[in-house]
């Protein structure tokens, strides 16, 4: 095969590989369903500042004791604005603790954002360098985790939280966790 034919073959091979990758991508049942290695594992250890409590350092232990919804959000995230009314509703009406992780963001901007849109969170972890997000396997914001009273991740949702997400996914998981039917792996 001469040099010219080899040069023509390279774009063809790249094109075929691209078609295969796209075909596999379009066969995903739910694009929000990204597998997580952390399901049924302890929430990662961390030691990070609280957003609205100067001098307070938060850790994994702050998640212990009750079922929590941990929401990864940022001011630069347009979908975080979309899901925010539902997070406010959940915090007011559903009796479950919401914890925020402000991801790869400026804490001053985050405080201003919460003043504008209101704060649904019991407390907010400042992950301005994104290390906790990396440990959680976060692809981007928003992503939401349900963590049991023992600090074990039981569910992960990628994308904005909606009323349908609450009713179909979050509420059943939280009810199971509160009933004690899901045993923790220690």
C-alpha atoms as a PDB file:
ATOM      1  CA  UNK A   1       0.000   0.000   0.000  1.00  0.00           C
ATOM      2  CA  UNK A   2       1.530   3.277  -0.999  1.00  0.00           C
ATOM      3  CA  UNK A   3       1.878   6.353   1.269  1.00  0.00           C
ATOM      4  CA  UNK A   4      -1.105   8.185  -0.275  1.00  0.00           C
ATOM      5  CA  UNK A   5      -3.472   5.279   0.356  1.00  0.00           C
ATOM      6  CA  UNK A   6      -2.336   5.066   3.993  1.00  0.00           C
ATOM      7  CA  UNK A   7      -3.012   8.789   4.488  1.00  0.00           C
ATOM      8  CA  UNK A   8      -6.527   8.365   3.076  1.00  0.00           C
ATOM      9  CA  UNK A   9      -7.187   5.367   5.314  1.00  0.00           C
ATOM     10  CA  UNK A  10      -6.510   7.268   8.580  1.00  0.00           C
ATOM     11  CA  UNK A  11      -9.548   9.631   8.294  1.00  0.00           C
ATOM     12  CA  UNK A  12     -11.743   6.664   7.343  1.00  0.00           C
ATOM     13  CA  UNK A  13     -10.681   4.719  10.449  1.00  0.00           C
ATOM     14  CA  UNK A  14     -11.265   7.764  12.672  1.00  0.00           C
ATOM     15  CA  UNK A  15     -14.710   8.251  11.123  1.00  0.00           C
ATOM     16  CA  UNK A  16     -15.676   4.597  11.733  1.00  0.00           C
ATOM     17  CA  UNK A  17     -14.498   4.762  15.361  1.00  0.00           C
ATOM     18  CA  UNK A  18     -16.499   7.961  15.880  1.00  0.00           C
ATOM     19  CA  UNK A  19     -19.638   6.337  14.444  1.00  0.00           C
ATOM     20  CA  UNK A  20     -19.248   3.349  16.781  1.00  0.00           C
ATOM     21  CA  UNK A  21     -18.764   5.591  19.843  1.00  0.00           C
ATOM     22  CA  UNK A  22     -21.799   7.699  18.957  1.00  0.00           C
ATOM     23  CA  UNK A  23     -23.930   4.612  18.287  1.00  0.00           C
ATOM     24  CA  UNK A  24     -23.056   3.212  21.710  1.00  0.00           C
ATOM     25  CA  UNK A  25     -23.787   6.562  23.334  1.00  0.00           C
ATOM     26  CA  UNK A  26     -27.243   6.763  21.780  1.00  0.00           C
ATOM     27  CA  UNK A  27     -28.126   3.312  23.112  1.00  0.00           C
ATOM     28  CA  UNK A  28     -28.002   4.478  26.746  1.00  0.00           C
ATOM     29  CA  UNK A  29     -31.481   4.147  28.234  1.00  0.00           C
ATOM     30  CA  UNK A  30     -31.199   7.193  30.440  1.00  0.00           C
ATOM     31  CA  UNK A  31     -28.472   9.774  29.817  1.00  0.00           C
ATOM     32  CA  UNK A  32     -28.734  10.829  33.485  1.00  0.00           C
ATOM     33  CA  UNK A  33     -27.877   7.307  34.605  1.00  0.00           C
ATOM     34  CA  UNK A  34     -24.134   7.372  35.108  1.00  0.00           C
ATOM     35  CA  UNK A  35     -22.856   4.482  37.180  1.00  0.00           C
ATOM     36  CA  UNK A  36     -21.159   5.357  40.430  1.00  0.00           C
ATOM     37  CA  UNK A  37     -18.535   3.270  42.152  1.00  0.00           C
ATOM     38  CA  UNK A  38     -19.544   4.960  45.411  1.00  0.00           C
ATOM     39  CA  UNK A  39     -23.022   3.464  45.778  1.00  0.00           C
ATOM     40  CA  UNK A  40     -23.121   1.533  49.082  1.00  0.00           C
ATOM     41  CA  UNK A  41     -19.759   2.991  50.103  1.00  0.00           C
ATOM     42  CA  UNK A  42     -18.993   5.623  52.747  1.00  0.00           C
ATOM     43  CA  UNK A  43     -19.147   9.258  51.716  1.00  0.00           C
ATOM     44  CA  UNK A  44     -15.530  10.357  51.108  1.00  0.00           C
ATOM     45  CA  UNK A  45     -13.570  11.851  53.976  1.00  0.00           C
ATOM     46  CA  UNK A  46     -13.123  15.617  53.753  1.00  0.00           C
ATOM     47  CA  UNK A  47     -12.235  18.620  55.867  1.00  0.00           C
ATOM     48  CA  UNK A  48     -13.594  21.783  54.256  1.00  0.00           C
ATOM     49  CA  UNK A  49     -14.966  25.142  55.348  1.00  0.00           C
ATOM     50  CA  UNK A  50     -18.646  25.887  55.807  1.00  0.00           C
ATOM     51  CA  UNK A  51     -19.932  28.573  53.445  1.00  0.00           C
ATOM     52  CA  UNK A  52     -22.067  30.576  55.878  1.00  0.00           C
ATOM     53  CA  UNK A  53     -20.329  29.883  59.182  1.00  0.00           C
ATOM     54  CA  UNK A  54     -16.917  31.513  59.293  1.00  0.00           C
ATOM     55  CA  UNK A  55     -14.362  29.365  61.064  1.00  0.00           C
ATOM     56  CA  UNK A  56     -16.452  26.182  60.987  1.00  0.00           C
ATOM     57  CA  UNK A  57     -14.751  23.226  59.340  1.00  0.00           C
ATOM     58  CA  UNK A  58     -17.036  20.455  58.131  1.00  0.00           C
ATOM     59  CA  UNK A  59     -16.208  16.774  57.751  1.00  0.00           C
ATOM     60  CA  UNK A  60     -17.848  13.468  56.878  1.00  0.00           C
ATOM     61  CA  UNK A  61     -19.042  13.213  60.480  1.00  0.00           C
ATOM     62  CA  UNK A  62     -21.362  16.188  59.871  1.00  0.00           C
ATOM     63  CA  UNK A  63     -23.353  13.958  57.492  1.00  0.00           C
ATOM     64  CA  UNK A  64     -23.937  11.284  60.108  1.00  0.00           C
ATOM     65  CA  UNK A  65     -27.045  10.786  62.204  1.00  0.00           C
ATOM     66  CA  UNK A  66     -29.835  11.287  59.667  1.00  0.00           C
ATOM     67  CA  UNK A  67     -30.636  10.673  56.025  1.00  0.00           C
ATOM     68  CA  UNK A  68     -29.367  13.559  53.880  1.00  0.00           C
ATOM     69  CA  UNK A  69     -29.674  14.762  50.327  1.00  0.00           C
ATOM     70  CA  UNK A  70     -26.279  16.114  49.281  1.00  0.00           C
ATOM     71  CA  UNK A  71     -26.552  18.468  46.308  1.00  0.00           C
ATOM     72  CA  UNK A  72     -23.478  19.529  44.322  1.00  0.00           C
ATOM     73  CA  UNK A  73     -24.137  23.006  42.870  1.00  0.00           C
ATOM     74  CA  UNK A  74     -22.404  26.166  41.649  1.00  0.00           C
ATOM     75  CA  UNK A  75     -23.220  29.723  40.635  1.00  0.00           C
ATOM     76  CA  UNK A  76     -21.874  29.046  37.126  1.00  0.00           C
ATOM     77  CA  UNK A  77     -24.359  26.191  36.652  1.00  0.00           C
ATOM     78  CA  UNK A  78     -27.541  27.113  34.717  1.00  0.00           C
ATOM     79  CA  UNK A  79     -29.292  23.871  35.701  1.00  0.00           C
ATOM     80  CA  UNK A  80     -28.713  24.702  39.359  1.00  0.00           C
ATOM     81  CA  UNK A  81     -31.035  27.692  38.939  1.00  0.00           C
ATOM     82  CA  UNK A  82     -33.616  25.413  37.294  1.00  0.00           C
ATOM     83  CA  UNK A  83     -33.597  22.861  40.132  1.00  0.00           C
ATOM     84  CA  UNK A  84     -33.435  25.412  42.965  1.00  0.00           C
ATOM     85  CA  UNK A  85     -37.213  25.903  43.461  1.00  0.00           C
ATOM     86  CA  UNK A  86     -37.601  22.140  43.934  1.00  0.00           C
ATOM     87  CA  UNK A  87     -34.751  22.066  46.465  1.00  0.00           C
ATOM     88  CA  UNK A  88     -36.484  24.883  48.362  1.00  0.00           C
ATOM     89  CA  UNK A  89     -39.747  22.918  48.301  1.00  0.00           C
ATOM     90  CA  UNK A  90     -38.047  19.740  49.531  1.00  0.00           C
ATOM     91  CA  UNK A  91     -36.330  21.586  52.378  1.00  0.00           C
ATOM     92  CA  UNK A  92     -39.625  23.174  53.474  1.00  0.00           C
ATOM     93  CA  UNK A  93     -42.059  20.303  52.959  1.00  0.00           C
ATOM     94  CA  UNK A  94     -40.362  16.917  52.984  1.00  0.00           C
ATOM     95  CA  UNK A  95     -38.572  16.774  56.332  1.00  0.00           C
ATOM     96  CA  UNK A  96     -35.223  15.681  54.963  1.00  0.00           C
ATOM     97  CA  UNK A  97     -31.911  17.463  55.490  1.00  0.00           C
ATOM     98  CA  UNK A  98     -30.385  19.079  52.417  1.00  0.00           C
ATOM     99  CA  UNK A  99     -26.628  19.603  52.395  1.00  0.00           C
ATOM    100  CA  UNK A 100     -24.966  21.688  49.709  1.00  0.00           C
ATOM    101  CA  UNK A 101     -21.550  21.220  48.169  1.00  0.00           C
ATOM    102  CA  UNK A 102     -20.554  24.460  46.445  1.00  0.00           C
ATOM    103  CA  UNK A 103     -18.339  23.034  43.716  1.00  0.00           C
ATOM    104  CA  UNK A 104     -15.440  24.809  41.929  1.00  0.00           C
ATOM    105  CA  UNK A 105     -16.882  28.188  42.773  1.00  0.00           C
ATOM    106  CA  UNK A 106     -16.092  31.495  44.436  1.00  0.00           C
ATOM    107  CA  UNK A 107     -17.527  31.470  47.988  1.00  0.00           C
ATOM    108  CA  UNK A 108     -18.415  35.181  47.814  1.00  0.00           C
ATOM    109  CA  UNK A 109     -20.401  34.613  44.614  1.00  0.00           C
ATOM    110  CA  UNK A 110     -22.084  31.583  46.214  1.00  0.00           C
ATOM    111  CA  UNK A 111     -23.220  33.642  49.220  1.00  0.00           C
ATOM    112  CA  UNK A 112     -24.641  36.292  46.869  1.00  0.00           C
ATOM    113  CA  UNK A 113     -26.376  33.627  44.782  1.00  0.00           C
ATOM    114  CA  UNK A 114     -28.046  32.215  47.911  1.00  0.00           C
ATOM    115  CA  UNK A 115     -29.186  35.678  48.993  1.00  0.00           C
ATOM    116  CA  UNK A 116     -30.812  36.117  45.595  1.00  0.00           C
ATOM    117  CA  UNK A 117     -32.434  32.658  45.309  1.00  0.00           C
ATOM    118  CA  UNK A 118     -32.728  31.672  49.036  1.00  0.00           C
ATOM    119  CA  UNK A 119     -30.878  28.952  50.907  1.00  0.00           C
ATOM    120  CA  UNK A 120     -32.476  25.484  51.175  1.00  0.00           C
ATOM    121  CA  UNK A 121     -29.416  23.882  52.789  1.00  0.00           C
ATOM    122  CA  UNK A 122     -28.834  22.954  56.433  1.00  0.00           C
ATOM    123  CA  UNK A 123     -25.159  23.670  55.760  1.00  0.00           C
ATOM    124  CA  UNK A 124     -22.944  24.140  52.724  1.00  0.00           C
ATOM    125  CA  UNK A 125     -19.515  22.628  52.148  1.00  0.00           C
ATOM    126  CA  UNK A 126     -17.083  24.879  50.264  1.00  0.00           C
ATOM    127  CA  UNK A 127     -15.337  22.743  47.637  1.00  0.00           C
ATOM    128  CA  UNK A 128     -13.678  25.647  45.852  1.00  0.00           C
ATOM    129  CA  UNK A 129     -10.793  23.504  44.570  1.00  0.00           C
ATOM    130  CA  UNK A 130     -13.059  20.640  43.480  1.00  0.00           C
ATOM    131  CA  UNK A 131     -11.279  17.903  45.452  1.00  0.00           C
ATOM    132  CA  UNK A 132     -14.434  16.577  47.134  1.00  0.00           C
ATOM    133  CA  UNK A 133     -16.162  16.638  43.750  1.00  0.00           C
ATOM    134  CA  UNK A 134     -13.364  14.525  42.310  1.00  0.00           C
ATOM    135  CA  UNK A 135     -13.620  12.092  45.232  1.00  0.00           C
ATOM    136  CA  UNK A 136     -17.381  11.857  44.581  1.00  0.00           C
ATOM    137  CA  UNK A 137     -16.845  11.222  40.870  1.00  0.00           C
ATOM    138  CA  UNK A 138     -18.745  14.374  39.939  1.00  0.00           C
ATOM    139  CA  UNK A 139     -18.932  15.034  36.196  1.00  0.00           C
ATOM    140  CA  UNK A 140     -20.417  18.516  36.673  1.00  0.00           C
ATOM    141  CA  UNK A 141     -23.135  20.341  38.512  1.00  0.00           C
ATOM    142  CA  UNK A 142     -25.788  19.622  39.527  1.00  0.00           C
ATOM    143  CA  UNK A 143     -25.351  16.138  40.906  1.00  0.00           C
ATOM    144  CA  UNK A 144     -27.189  14.855  43.944  1.00  0.00           C
ATOM    145  CA  UNK A 145     -26.526  12.008  46.366  1.00  0.00           C
ATOM    146  CA  UNK A 146     -28.705  10.399  49.007  1.00  0.00           C
ATOM    147  CA  UNK A 147     -26.624   9.507  52.052  1.00  0.00           C
ATOM    148  CA  UNK A 148     -27.937   7.315  54.858  1.00  0.00           C
ATOM    149  CA  UNK A 149     -27.641   8.054  58.580  1.00  0.00           C
ATOM    150  CA  UNK A 150     -24.353   6.100  58.714  1.00  0.00           C
ATOM    151  CA  UNK A 151     -22.764   8.282  56.034  1.00  0.00           C
ATOM    152  CA  UNK A 152     -23.088   5.711  53.244  1.00  0.00           C
ATOM    153  CA  UNK A 153     -24.011   6.845  49.718  1.00  0.00           C
ATOM    154  CA  UNK A 154     -27.164   5.033  48.631  1.00  0.00           C
ATOM    155  CA  UNK A 155     -28.209   6.855  45.465  1.00  0.00           C
ATOM    156  CA  UNK A 156     -26.816   9.247  42.847  1.00  0.00           C
ATOM    157  CA  UNK A 157     -28.722  11.514  40.471  1.00  0.00           C
ATOM    158  CA  UNK A 158     -27.084  13.463  37.653  1.00  0.00           C
ATOM    159  CA  UNK A 159     -28.836  16.598  36.432  1.00  0.00           C
ATOM    160  CA  UNK A 160     -31.449  18.928  37.871  1.00  0.00           C
ATOM    161  CA  UNK A 161     -33.733  17.714  40.637  1.00  0.00           C
ATOM    162  CA  UNK A 162     -37.399  17.987  39.664  1.00  0.00           C
ATOM    163  CA  UNK A 163     -40.702  17.105  41.326  1.00  0.00           C
ATOM    164  CA  UNK A 164     -40.698  13.902  39.265  1.00  0.00           C
ATOM    165  CA  UNK A 165     -37.168  13.086  40.494  1.00  0.00           C
ATOM    166  CA  UNK A 166     -38.400  13.541  44.063  1.00  0.00           C
ATOM    167  CA  UNK A 167     -41.511  11.397  43.609  1.00  0.00           C
ATOM    168  CA  UNK A 168     -40.033   8.576  41.510  1.00  0.00           C
ATOM    169  CA  UNK A 169     -36.471   8.331  42.825  1.00  0.00           C
ATOM    170  CA  UNK A 170     -35.639  10.243  46.000  1.00  0.00           C
ATOM    171  CA  UNK A 171     -38.770   9.681  48.085  1.00  0.00           C
ATOM    172  CA  UNK A 172     -38.811   5.855  47.739  1.00  0.00           C
ATOM    173  CA  UNK A 173     -35.099   5.603  48.580  1.00  0.00           C
ATOM    174  CA  UNK A 174     -35.466   7.893  51.594  1.00  0.00           C
ATOM    175  CA  UNK A 175     -38.510   5.942  52.848  1.00  0.00           C
ATOM    176  CA  UNK A 176     -36.526   2.685  52.600  1.00  0.00           C
ATOM    177  CA  UNK A 177     -33.575   4.203  54.449  1.00  0.00           C
ATOM    178  CA  UNK A 178     -35.798   5.590  57.195  1.00  0.00           C
ATOM    179  CA  UNK A 179     -37.588   2.243  57.576  1.00  0.00           C
ATOM    180  CA  UNK A 180     -34.258   0.533  58.187  1.00  0.00           C
ATOM    181  CA  UNK A 181     -34.687  -1.947  55.328  1.00  0.00           C
ATOM    182  CA  UNK A 182     -31.334  -1.015  53.791  1.00  0.00           C
ATOM    183  CA  UNK A 183     -28.432  -2.307  55.843  1.00  0.00           C
ATOM    184  CA  UNK A 184     -25.208  -0.323  55.921  1.00  0.00           C
ATOM    185  CA  UNK A 185     -21.944  -1.899  54.737  1.00  0.00           C
ATOM    186  CA  UNK A 186     -19.358  -1.014  57.367  1.00  0.00           C
END
